Amino acid sequence: GGSLRLSCAASGSTFNTYVLGWFRQAPGKERESVAVPSWS
C-alpha cells in the first residue's frame, strides 16, 4: 500500500538520443517490461 519513487540518471550521451524505459525481474523469473514508450 505504500509508495516509492525510483530514479534513473543517464550520462555519457545526449539524453534525447535514447529512448528509456523501466523493467523489473523477480527472483527465478524472466525480466519483464513495466513502463516503456508506446509504439503507437
All heavy atoms as atom14 arrays in JSON, in Angstrom:
{
  "sequence": "GGSLRLSCAASGSTFNTYVLGWFRQAPGKERESVAVPSWS",
  "atom14_mask": [
    [1, 1, 1, 1, 0, 0, 0, 0, 0, 0, 0, 0, 0, 0],
    [1, 1, 1, 1, 0, 0, 0, 0, 0, 0, 0, 0, 0, 0],
    [1, 1, 1, 1, 1, 1, 0, 0, 0, 0, 0, 0, 0, 0],
    [1, 1, 1, 1, 1, 1, 1, 1, 0, 0, 0, 0, 0, 0],
    [1, 1, 1, 1, 1, 1, 1, 1, 1, 1, 1, 0, 0, 0],
    [1, 1, 1, 1, 1, 1, 1, 1, 0, 0, 0, 0, 0, 0],
    [1, 1, 1, 1, 1, 1, 0, 0, 0, 0, 0, 0, 0, 0],
    [1, 1, 1, 1, 1, 1, 0, 0, 0, 0, 0, 0, 0, 0],
    [1, 1, 1, 1, 1, 0, 0, 0, 0, 0, 0, 0, 0, 0],
    [1, 1, 1, 1, 1, 0, 0, 0, 0, 0, 0, 0, 0, 0],
    [1, 1, 1, 1, 1, 1, 0, 0, 0, 0, 0, 0, 0, 0],
    [1, 1, 1, 1, 0, 0, 0, 0, 0, 0, 0, 0, 0, 0],
    [1, 1, 1, 1, 1, 1, 0, 0, 0, 0, 0, 0, 0, 0],
    [1, 1, 1, 1, 1, 1, 1, 0, 0, 0, 0, 0, 0, 0],
    [1, 1, 1, 1, 1, 1, 1, 1, 1, 1, 1, 0, 0, 0],
    [1, 1, 1, 1, 1, 1, 1, 1, 0, 0, 0, 0, 0, 0],
    [1, 1, 1, 1, 1, 1, 1, 0, 0, 0, 0, 0, 0, 0],
    [1, 1, 1, 1, 1, 1, 1, 1, 1, 1, 1, 1, 0, 0],
    [1, 1, 1, 1, 1, 1, 1, 0, 0, 0, 0, 0, 0, 0],
    [1, 1, 1, 1, 1, 1, 1, 1, 0, 0, 0, 0, 0, 0],
    [1, 1, 1, 1, 0, 0, 0, 0, 0, 0, 0, 0, 0, 0],
    [1, 1, 1, 1, 1, 1, 1, 1, 1, 1, 1, 1, 1, 1],
    [1, 1, 1, 1, 1, 1, 1, 1, 1, 1, 1, 0, 0, 0],
    [1, 1, 1, 1, 1, 1, 1, 1, 1, 1, 1, 0, 0, 0],
    [1, 1, 1, 1, 1, 1, 1, 1, 1, 0, 0, 0, 0, 0],
    [1, 1, 1, 1, 1, 0, 0, 0, 0, 0, 0, 0, 0, 0],
    [1, 1, 1, 1, 1, 1, 1, 0, 0, 0, 0, 0, 0, 0],
    [1, 1, 1, 1, 0, 0, 0, 0, 0, 0, 0, 0, 0, 0],
    [1, 1, 1, 1, 1, 1, 1, 1, 1, 0, 0, 0, 0, 0],
    [1, 1, 1, 1, 1, 1, 1, 1, 1, 0, 0, 0, 0, 0],
    [1, 1, 1, 1, 1, 1, 1, 1, 1, 1, 1, 0, 0, 0],
    [1, 1, 1, 1, 1, 1, 1, 1, 1, 0, 0, 0, 0, 0],
    [1, 1, 1, 1, 1, 1, 0, 0, 0, 0, 0, 0, 0, 0],
    [1, 1, 1, 1, 1, 1, 1, 0, 0, 0, 0, 0, 0, 0],
    [1, 1, 1, 1, 1, 0, 0, 0, 0, 0, 0, 0, 0, 0],
    [1, 1, 1, 1, 1, 1, 1, 0, 0, 0, 0, 0, 0, 0],
    [1, 1, 1, 1, 1, 1, 1, 0, 0, 0, 0, 0, 0, 0],
    [1, 1, 1, 1, 1, 1, 0, 0, 0, 0, 0, 0, 0, 0],
    [1, 1, 1, 1, 1, 1, 1, 1, 1, 1, 1, 1, 1, 1],
    [1, 1, 1, 1, 1, 1, 0, 0, 0, 0, 0, 0, 0, 0]
  ],
  "atom14_positions": [
    [[0.79, -1.21, 0.0], [0.0, 0.0, 0.0], [0.82, 1.27, 0.0], [0.28, 2.36, -0.22], [0.0, 0.0, 0.0], [0.0, 0.0, 0.0], [0.0, 0.0, 0.0], [0.0, 0.0, 0.0], [0.0, 0.0, 0.0], [0.0, 0.0, 0.0], [0.0, 0.0, 0.0], [0.0, 0.0, 0.0], [0.0, 0.0, 0.0], [0.0, 0.0, 0.0]],
    [[2.12, 1.14, 0.22], [3.0, 2.29, 0.25], [3.44, 2.72, -1.12], [3.02, 2.18, -2.15], [0.0, 0.0, 0.0], [0.0, 0.0, 0.0], [0.0, 0.0, 0.0], [0.0, 0.0, 0.0], [0.0, 0.0, 0.0], [0.0, 0.0, 0.0], [0.0, 0.0, 0.0], [0.0, 0.0, 0.0], [0.0, 0.0, 0.0], [0.0, 0.0, 0.0]],
    [[4.34, 3.7, -1.14], [4.82, 4.29, -2.39], [6.33, 4.43, -2.39], [6.96, 4.57, -1.34], [4.19, 5.67, -2.6], [2.78, 5.61, -2.67], [0.0, 0.0, 0.0], [0.0, 0.0, 0.0], [0.0, 0.0, 0.0], [0.0, 0.0, 0.0], [0.0, 0.0, 0.0], [0.0, 0.0, 0.0], [0.0, 0.0, 0.0], [0.0, 0.0, 0.0]],
    [[6.89, 4.41, -3.57], [8.3, 4.66, -3.79], [8.46, 5.38, -5.12], [7.66, 5.18, -6.04], [9.13, 3.37, -3.83], [9.43, 2.64, -2.53], [10.11, 1.31, -2.85], [10.31, 3.49, -1.63], [0.0, 0.0, 0.0], [0.0, 0.0, 0.0], [0.0, 0.0, 0.0], [0.0, 0.0, 0.0], [0.0, 0.0, 0.0], [0.0, 0.0, 0.0]],
    [[9.5, 6.19, -5.23], [9.85, 6.8, -6.5], [11.26, 6.4, -6.87], [12.22, 6.69, -6.15], [9.74, 8.32, -6.47], [9.91, 8.94, -7.86], [9.77, 10.44, -7.89], [10.93, 11.12, -7.35], [11.23, 12.4, -7.58], [10.42, 13.14, -8.34], [12.29, 12.94, -7.04], [0.0, 0.0, 0.0], [0.0, 0.0, 0.0], [0.0, 0.0, 0.0]],
    [[11.4, 5.72, -7.99], [12.69, 5.32, -8.5], [13.22, 6.37, -9.46], [12.46, 6.99, -10.19], [12.6, 3.97, -9.22], [11.97, 2.81, -8.44], [12.03, 1.54, -9.28], [12.67, 2.62, -7.11], [0.0, 0.0, 0.0], [0.0, 0.0, 0.0], [0.0, 0.0, 0.0], [0.0, 0.0, 0.0], [0.0, 0.0, 0.0], [0.0, 0.0, 0.0]],
    [[14.54, 6.54, -9.44], [15.19, 7.49, -10.33], [16.22, 6.77, -11.18], [16.83, 5.8, -10.74], [15.88, 8.6, -9.53], [14.97, 9.33, -8.75], [0.0, 0.0, 0.0], [0.0, 0.0, 0.0], [0.0, 0.0, 0.0], [0.0, 0.0, 0.0], [0.0, 0.0, 0.0], [0.0, 0.0, 0.0], [0.0, 0.0, 0.0], [0.0, 0.0, 0.0]],
    [[16.41, 7.25, -12.38], [17.43, 6.72, -13.27], [18.16, 7.89, -13.9], [17.57, 8.62, -14.71], [16.8, 5.83, -14.35], [17.97, 5.25, -15.59], [0.0, 0.0, 0.0], [0.0, 0.0, 0.0], [0.0, 0.0, 0.0], [0.0, 0.0, 0.0], [0.0, 0.0, 0.0], [0.0, 0.0, 0.0], [0.0, 0.0, 0.0], [0.0, 0.0, 0.0]],
    [[19.42, 8.05, -13.54], [20.24, 9.12, -14.08], [21.05, 8.61, -15.26], [21.71, 7.57, -15.16], [21.17, 9.67, -13.0], [0.0, 0.0, 0.0], [0.0, 0.0, 0.0], [0.0, 0.0, 0.0], [0.0, 0.0, 0.0], [0.0, 0.0, 0.0], [0.0, 0.0, 0.0], [0.0, 0.0, 0.0], [0.0, 0.0, 0.0], [0.0, 0.0, 0.0]],
    [[20.99, 9.32, -16.36], [21.69, 8.94, -17.57], [22.87, 9.87, -17.82], [22.77, 11.08, -17.59], [20.75, 8.96, -18.77], [0.0, 0.0, 0.0], [0.0, 0.0, 0.0], [0.0, 0.0, 0.0], [0.0, 0.0, 0.0], [0.0, 0.0, 0.0], [0.0, 0.0, 0.0], [0.0, 0.0, 0.0], [0.0, 0.0, 0.0], [0.0, 0.0, 0.0]],
    [[23.96, 9.31, -18.29], [25.14, 10.09, -18.61], [25.91, 9.43, -19.73], [25.67, 8.27, -20.07], [26.05, 10.26, -17.38], [26.54, 9.0, -16.95], [0.0, 0.0, 0.0], [0.0, 0.0, 0.0], [0.0, 0.0, 0.0], [0.0, 0.0, 0.0], [0.0, 0.0, 0.0], [0.0, 0.0, 0.0], [0.0, 0.0, 0.0], [0.0, 0.0, 0.0]],
    [[26.86, 10.17, -20.3], [27.72, 9.61, -21.32], [27.24, 9.8, -22.75], [27.96, 9.47, -23.69], [0.0, 0.0, 0.0], [0.0, 0.0, 0.0], [0.0, 0.0, 0.0], [0.0, 0.0, 0.0], [0.0, 0.0, 0.0], [0.0, 0.0, 0.0], [0.0, 0.0, 0.0], [0.0, 0.0, 0.0], [0.0, 0.0, 0.0], [0.0, 0.0, 0.0]],
    [[26.05, 10.32, -22.9], [25.49, 10.53, -24.22], [24.41, 11.59, -24.15], [23.98, 11.98, -23.06], [24.92, 9.22, -24.79], [24.46, 9.39, -26.11], [0.0, 0.0, 0.0], [0.0, 0.0, 0.0], [0.0, 0.0, 0.0], [0.0, 0.0, 0.0], [0.0, 0.0, 0.0], [0.0, 0.0, 0.0], [0.0, 0.0, 0.0], [0.0, 0.0, 0.0]],
    [[23.98, 12.04, -25.28], [22.89, 13.0, -25.33], [21.59, 12.33, -24.9], [21.19, 11.32, -25.46], [22.74, 13.59, -26.74], [23.96, 14.2, -27.14], [21.63, 14.63, -26.78], [0.0, 0.0, 0.0], [0.0, 0.0, 0.0], [0.0, 0.0, 0.0], [0.0, 0.0, 0.0], [0.0, 0.0, 0.0], [0.0, 0.0, 0.0], [0.0, 0.0, 0.0]],
    [[20.95, 12.9, -23.9], [19.76, 12.31, -23.32], [18.68, 12.05, -24.35], [18.06, 10.98, -24.36], [19.25, 13.21, -22.2], [18.16, 12.62, -21.37], [18.37, 11.48, -20.62], [16.91, 13.22, -21.33], [17.36, 10.93, -19.84], [15.89, 12.69, -20.55], [16.12, 11.54, -19.81], [0.0, 0.0, 0.0], [0.0, 0.0, 0.0], [0.0, 0.0, 0.0]],
    [[18.43, 13.0, -25.21], [17.35, 12.88, -26.17], [17.64, 11.9, -27.31], [16.76, 11.6, -28.1], [17.01, 14.25, -26.76], [16.36, 15.18, -25.76], [15.72, 14.73, -24.8], [16.51, 16.47, -25.97], [0.0, 0.0, 0.0], [0.0, 0.0, 0.0], [0.0, 0.0, 0.0], [0.0, 0.0, 0.0], [0.0, 0.0, 0.0], [0.0, 0.0, 0.0]],
    [[18.87, 11.41, -27.38], [19.24, 10.45, -28.42], [18.63, 9.08, -28.15], [18.46, 8.28, -29.06], [20.77, 10.33, -28.52], [21.32, 11.62, -28.77], [21.17, 9.38, -29.63], [0.0, 0.0, 0.0], [0.0, 0.0, 0.0], [0.0, 0.0, 0.0], [0.0, 0.0, 0.0], [0.0, 0.0, 0.0], [0.0, 0.0, 0.0], [0.0, 0.0, 0.0]],
    [[18.29, 8.81, -26.91], [17.85, 7.49, -26.49], [16.41, 7.49, -26.0], [15.89, 8.49, -25.51], [18.75, 6.96, -25.37], [20.15, 6.66, -25.83], [21.12, 7.64, -25.85], [20.5, 5.37, -26.24], [22.41, 7.37, -26.28], [21.79, 5.09, -26.66], [22.73, 6.09, -26.68], [24.01, 5.81, -27.1], [0.0, 0.0, 0.0], [0.0, 0.0, 0.0]],
    [[15.8, 6.32, -26.14], [14.5, 6.04, -25.56], [14.74, 5.24, -24.29], [15.5, 4.27, -24.3], [13.62, 5.25, -26.53], [12.31, 4.85, -25.87], [13.36, 6.07, -27.79], [0.0, 0.0, 0.0], [0.0, 0.0, 0.0], [0.0, 0.0, 0.0], [0.0, 0.0, 0.0], [0.0, 0.0, 0.0], [0.0, 0.0, 0.0], [0.0, 0.0, 0.0]],
    [[14.14, 5.64, -23.2], [14.34, 4.96, -21.92], [13.05, 4.37, -21.38], [11.96, 4.91, -21.61], [14.92, 5.93, -20.89], [16.35, 6.4, -21.16], [16.35, 7.76, -21.83], [17.15, 6.45, -19.87], [0.0, 0.0, 0.0], [0.0, 0.0, 0.0], [0.0, 0.0, 0.0], [0.0, 0.0, 0.0], [0.0, 0.0, 0.0], [0.0, 0.0, 0.0]],
    [[13.18, 3.25, -20.68], [12.04, 2.6, -20.09], [12.43, 1.88, -18.81], [13.6, 1.79, -18.46], [0.0, 0.0, 0.0], [0.0, 0.0, 0.0], [0.0, 0.0, 0.0], [0.0, 0.0, 0.0], [0.0, 0.0, 0.0], [0.0, 0.0, 0.0], [0.0, 0.0, 0.0], [0.0, 0.0, 0.0], [0.0, 0.0, 0.0], [0.0, 0.0, 0.0]],
    [[11.4, 1.37, -18.12], [11.61, 0.65, -16.86], [11.22, -0.81, -17.0], [10.19, -1.14, -17.62], [10.8, 1.29, -15.73], [11.38, 2.57, -15.23], [11.04, 3.83, -15.6], [12.41, 2.7, -14.24], [11.79, 4.75, -14.9], [12.64, 4.08, -14.07], [13.15, 1.79, -13.49], [13.59, 4.57, -13.17], [14.1, 2.27, -12.6], [14.31, 3.64, -12.45]],
    [[12.02, -1.68, -16.4], [11.82, -3.11, -16.4], [12.01, -3.64, -14.99], [12.53, -2.95, -14.13], [12.79, -3.8, -17.37], [12.68, -3.34, -18.79], [13.22, -2.12, -19.19], [12.04, -4.12, -19.74], [13.12, -1.68, -20.5], [11.93, -3.7, -21.05], [12.47, -2.48, -21.43], [0.0, 0.0, 0.0], [0.0, 0.0, 0.0], [0.0, 0.0, 0.0]],
    [[11.6, -4.88, -14.76], [11.84, -5.49, -13.47], [12.03, -6.99, -13.62], [11.59, -7.59, -14.61], [10.7, -5.2, -12.49], [9.37, -5.88, -12.83], [8.28, -5.44, -11.87], [7.02, -6.08, -12.15], [5.88, -5.78, -11.54], [5.85, -4.85, -10.58], [4.76, -6.42, -11.86], [0.0, 0.0, 0.0], [0.0, 0.0, 0.0], [0.0, 0.0, 0.0]],
    [[12.7, -7.58, -12.64], [12.93, -9.01, -12.65], [12.83, -9.54, -11.23], [13.61, -9.16, -10.35], [14.29, -9.35, -13.24], [14.54, -10.84, -13.4], [15.77, -11.13, -14.22], [16.67, -10.31, -14.33], [15.82, -12.32, -14.81], [0.0, 0.0, 0.0], [0.0, 0.0, 0.0], [0.0, 0.0, 0.0], [0.0, 0.0, 0.0], [0.0, 0.0, 0.0]],
    [[11.87, -10.43, -11.01], [11.71, -11.09, -9.73], [12.59, -12.33, -9.69], [12.93, -12.89, -10.74], [10.25, -11.47, -9.5], [0.0, 0.0, 0.0], [0.0, 0.0, 0.0], [0.0, 0.0, 0.0], [0.0, 0.0, 0.0], [0.0, 0.0, 0.0], [0.0, 0.0, 0.0], [0.0, 0.0, 0.0], [0.0, 0.0, 0.0], [0.0, 0.0, 0.0]],
    [[12.97, -12.8, -8.51], [13.83, -13.99, -8.4], [13.22, -15.18, -9.13], [12.05, -15.52, -8.93], [13.9, -14.23, -6.9], [13.7, -12.89, -6.29], [12.69, -12.21, -7.19], [0.0, 0.0, 0.0], [0.0, 0.0, 0.0], [0.0, 0.0, 0.0], [0.0, 0.0, 0.0], [0.0, 0.0, 0.0], [0.0, 0.0, 0.0], [0.0, 0.0, 0.0]],
    [[14.02, -15.82, -9.97], [13.58, -17.0, -10.69], [12.65, -16.74, -11.86], [12.17, -17.69, -12.47], [0.0, 0.0, 0.0], [0.0, 0.0, 0.0], [0.0, 0.0, 0.0], [0.0, 0.0, 0.0], [0.0, 0.0, 0.0], [0.0, 0.0, 0.0], [0.0, 0.0, 0.0], [0.0, 0.0, 0.0], [0.0, 0.0, 0.0], [0.0, 0.0, 0.0]],
    [[12.41, -15.49, -12.17], [11.51, -15.16, -13.26], [12.22, -14.36, -14.34], [13.3, -13.82, -14.12], [10.3, -14.37, -12.74], [9.41, -15.15, -11.78], [8.17, -14.37, -11.42], [7.26, -15.17, -10.52], [6.03, -14.42, -10.18], [0.0, 0.0, 0.0], [0.0, 0.0, 0.0], [0.0, 0.0, 0.0], [0.0, 0.0, 0.0], [0.0, 0.0, 0.0]],
    [[11.6, -14.3, -15.49], [12.15, -13.54, -16.6], [11.95, -12.05, -16.39], [11.01, -11.61, -15.71], [11.5, -13.97, -17.92], [11.75, -15.42, -18.3], [13.19, -15.68, -18.61], [13.83, -14.83, -19.28], [13.71, -16.73, -18.2], [0.0, 0.0, 0.0], [0.0, 0.0, 0.0], [0.0, 0.0, 0.0], [0.0, 0.0, 0.0], [0.0, 0.0, 0.0]],
    [[12.82, -11.28, -16.98], [12.69, -9.84, -16.94], [11.46, -9.42, -17.74], [11.19, -9.97, -18.81], [13.95, -9.2, -17.51], [14.01, -7.69, -17.39], [15.39, -7.2, -17.78], [15.76, -7.62, -19.12], [17.01, -7.83, -19.53], [18.02, -7.66, -18.69], [17.24, -8.21, -20.78], [0.0, 0.0, 0.0], [0.0, 0.0, 0.0], [0.0, 0.0, 0.0]],
    [[10.72, -8.47, -17.22], [9.51, -8.02, -17.88], [9.49, -6.5, -18.0], [10.08, -5.79, -17.19], [8.27, -8.5, -17.13], [8.13, -7.92, -15.73], [6.84, -8.32, -15.05], [5.87, -8.65, -15.77], [6.79, -8.3, -13.81], [0.0, 0.0, 0.0], [0.0, 0.0, 0.0], [0.0, 0.0, 0.0], [0.0, 0.0, 0.0], [0.0, 0.0, 0.0]],
    [[8.78, -6.05, -18.99], [8.6, -4.62, -19.19], [7.6, -4.08, -18.18], [6.59, -4.73, -17.91], [8.11, -4.32, -20.6], [9.02, -4.79, -21.57], [0.0, 0.0, 0.0], [0.0, 0.0, 0.0], [0.0, 0.0, 0.0], [0.0, 0.0, 0.0], [0.0, 0.0, 0.0], [0.0, 0.0, 0.0], [0.0, 0.0, 0.0], [0.0, 0.0, 0.0]],
    [[7.88, -2.92, -17.64], [6.99, -2.27, -16.69], [6.36, -1.03, -17.3], [5.14, -0.86, -17.29], [7.73, -1.9, -15.39], [6.81, -1.13, -14.45], [8.26, -3.16, -14.7], [0.0, 0.0, 0.0], [0.0, 0.0, 0.0], [0.0, 0.0, 0.0], [0.0, 0.0, 0.0], [0.0, 0.0, 0.0], [0.0, 0.0, 0.0], [0.0, 0.0, 0.0]],
    [[7.19, -0.15, -17.82], [6.73, 1.09, -18.44], [7.73, 1.51, -19.5], [8.89, 1.77, -19.19], [6.55, 2.2, -17.4], [0.0, 0.0, 0.0], [0.0, 0.0, 0.0], [0.0, 0.0, 0.0], [0.0, 0.0, 0.0], [0.0, 0.0, 0.0], [0.0, 0.0, 0.0], [0.0, 0.0, 0.0], [0.0, 0.0, 0.0], [0.0, 0.0, 0.0]],
    [[7.29, 1.55, -20.74], [8.14, 1.9, -21.86], [7.38, 2.81, -22.81], [6.14, 2.86, -22.77], [8.65, 0.66, -22.62], [9.48, -0.24, -21.71], [7.47, -0.12, -23.19], [0.0, 0.0, 0.0], [0.0, 0.0, 0.0], [0.0, 0.0, 0.0], [0.0, 0.0, 0.0], [0.0, 0.0, 0.0], [0.0, 0.0, 0.0], [0.0, 0.0, 0.0]],
    [[8.08, 3.53, -23.67], [7.38, 4.35, -24.66], [6.49, 3.49, -25.54], [6.9, 2.41, -25.98], [8.5, 5.0, -25.47], [9.67, 5.0, -24.54], [9.54, 3.72, -23.76], [0.0, 0.0, 0.0], [0.0, 0.0, 0.0], [0.0, 0.0, 0.0], [0.0, 0.0, 0.0], [0.0, 0.0, 0.0], [0.0, 0.0, 0.0], [0.0, 0.0, 0.0]],
    [[5.31, 3.96, -25.81], [4.37, 3.23, -26.64], [4.81, 3.24, -28.09], [5.27, 4.27, -28.61], [2.97, 3.85, -26.53], [2.07, 3.27, -27.44], [0.0, 0.0, 0.0], [0.0, 0.0, 0.0], [0.0, 0.0, 0.0], [0.0, 0.0, 0.0], [0.0, 0.0, 0.0], [0.0, 0.0, 0.0], [0.0, 0.0, 0.0], [0.0, 0.0, 0.0]],
    [[4.69, 2.1, -28.76], [5.0, 2.02, -30.18], [3.99, 2.81, -31.01], [4.25, 3.11, -32.17], [5.05, 0.57, -30.65], [6.28, -0.14, -30.2], [6.38, -1.06, -29.21], [7.6, 0.01, -30.75], [7.68, -1.49, -29.08], [8.45, -0.86, -30.01], [8.14, 0.79, -31.77], [9.82, -0.95, -30.29], [9.5, 0.7, -32.03], [10.32, -0.18, -31.29]],
    [[2.87, 3.13, -30.4], [1.89, 3.97, -31.08], [2.36, 5.41, -31.18], [1.81, 6.18, -31.95], [0.54, 3.9, -30.36], [0.03, 2.58, -30.36], [0.0, 0.0, 0.0], [0.0, 0.0, 0.0], [0.0, 0.0, 0.0], [0.0, 0.0, 0.0], [0.0, 0.0, 0.0], [0.0, 0.0, 0.0], [0.0, 0.0, 0.0], [0.0, 0.0, 0.0]]
  ]
}
